[in-house]
Amino acid sequence: MYIGVTNEIAKRIHEHKTSLVAGFTSKYHVNLLVHIETFNDIRDAIFREKCLKKWNRAWKLKLIEKTNPDWTDLAGSPLEVYPPTGGRG
């Protein structure tokens, strides 16, 4: 599983799908977008990323399967479907 932050989702999807950038995703062929969260403030996104990276695999699986039980590739989905999830609260 790969967790990351970007402000250019289309570019990041392209990089992952084509293994354009060397690294974890190209090495392990991680190229399905199965969960997405959007934020209005990059600091909130980075905070959430750091939290999720500390989660164990079971928690991450539960999060994905809660909103995407079939693990459908969301790469082609319009981002309007994913409104900002908020801040650090």
Protein backbone atom coordinates (compact mmCIF):
# COMPACT_ATOMS: atom_id res chain seq x y z
CA MET A 1 0.00 0.00 0.00
CA TYR A 2 1.17 3.48 -0.83
CA ILE A 3 0.04 6.65 0.91
CA GLY A 4 0.96 10.03 -0.47
CA VAL A 5 0.03 13.67 -0.83
CA THR A 6 -0.22 15.65 -4.04
CA ASN A 7 -1.71 18.85 -5.32
CA GLU A 8 -1.69 17.50 -8.89
CA ILE A 9 -3.76 14.31 -8.75
CA ALA A 10 -3.93 13.78 -12.54
CA LYS A 11 -0.14 14.03 -12.83
CA ARG A 12 0.40 11.70 -9.87
CA ILE A 13 -2.04 9.13 -11.29
CA HIS A 14 -0.21 9.23 -14.63
CA GLU A 15 3.15 8.75 -12.89
CA HIS A 16 1.86 5.72 -10.99
CA LYS A 17 0.03 4.14 -13.94
CA THR A 18 3.06 4.41 -16.22
CA SER A 19 5.74 3.72 -13.57
CA LEU A 20 7.26 6.97 -14.80
CA VAL A 21 9.02 7.74 -11.53
CA ALA A 22 11.35 5.22 -9.95
CA GLY A 23 10.42 4.31 -6.41
CA PHE A 24 8.06 2.25 -4.29
CA THR A 25 5.09 2.36 -6.65
CA SER A 26 7.03 1.39 -9.76
CA LYS A 27 9.05 -1.28 -7.94
CA TYR A 28 5.96 -2.98 -6.49
CA HIS A 29 3.52 -2.09 -9.31
CA VAL A 30 1.20 -0.16 -7.00
CA ASN A 31 -1.07 1.61 -9.45
CA LEU A 32 -4.67 1.42 -8.26
CA LEU A 33 -6.23 4.45 -6.61
CA VAL A 34 -8.61 2.87 -4.10
CA HIS A 35 -9.02 5.64 -1.54
CA ILE A 36 -8.81 9.40 -1.75
CA GLU A 37 -9.30 12.22 0.69
CA THR A 38 -9.19 15.88 -0.27
CA PHE A 39 -8.29 18.84 1.88
CA ASN A 40 -8.45 22.58 1.44
CA ASP A 41 -5.21 23.10 3.37
CA ILE A 42 -2.01 21.22 2.50
CA ARG A 43 -1.00 21.18 6.17
CA ASP A 44 -4.12 19.17 6.97
CA ALA A 45 -3.35 16.76 4.13
CA ILE A 46 0.20 16.23 5.33
CA PHE A 47 -1.00 15.71 8.89
CA ARG A 48 -3.49 13.06 7.69
CA GLU A 49 -0.83 11.37 5.56
CA LYS A 50 1.50 11.08 8.55
CA CYS A 51 -1.29 9.65 10.69
CA LEU A 52 -2.28 7.06 8.07
CA LYS A 53 1.32 5.97 7.60
CA LYS A 54 1.40 5.05 11.29
CA TRP A 55 -1.72 2.89 11.01
CA ASN A 56 -1.40 -0.88 10.82
CA ARG A 57 -2.43 -2.68 7.65
CA ALA A 58 -5.74 -3.92 9.08
CA TRP A 59 -6.88 -0.37 9.86
CA LYS A 60 -5.95 0.78 6.36
CA LEU A 61 -7.84 -2.13 4.81
CA LYS A 62 -10.91 -1.30 6.90
CA LEU A 63 -10.76 2.35 5.79
CA ILE A 64 -10.57 1.38 2.11
CA GLU A 65 -13.28 -1.26 2.33
CA LYS A 66 -15.62 1.10 4.17
CA THR A 67 -15.90 3.38 1.13
CA ASN A 68 -14.69 1.12 -1.68
CA PRO A 69 -15.45 -2.51 -0.79
CA ASP A 70 -14.76 -3.75 -4.33
CA TRP A 71 -11.42 -1.95 -4.56
CA THR A 72 -12.56 -0.18 -7.71
CA ASP A 73 -9.84 1.92 -9.32
CA LEU A 74 -10.94 5.51 -8.65
CA ALA A 75 -8.37 7.03 -10.99
CA GLY A 76 -10.99 7.86 -13.60
CA SER A 77 -13.57 9.19 -11.13
CA PRO A 78 -14.33 12.89 -11.05
CA LEU A 79 -12.84 14.56 -8.00
CA GLU A 80 -16.12 16.36 -7.27
CA VAL A 81 -17.22 13.07 -5.73
CA TYR A 82 -14.61 13.57 -3.03
CA PRO A 83 -15.33 16.81 -1.17
CA PRO A 84 -12.76 18.10 1.30
CA THR A 85 -12.80 16.02 4.45
CA GLY A 86 -11.87 18.86 6.73
CA GLY A 87 -9.00 19.75 8.95
CA ARG A 88 -7.31 18.42 12.01
CA GLY A 89 -10.41 19.17 14.04
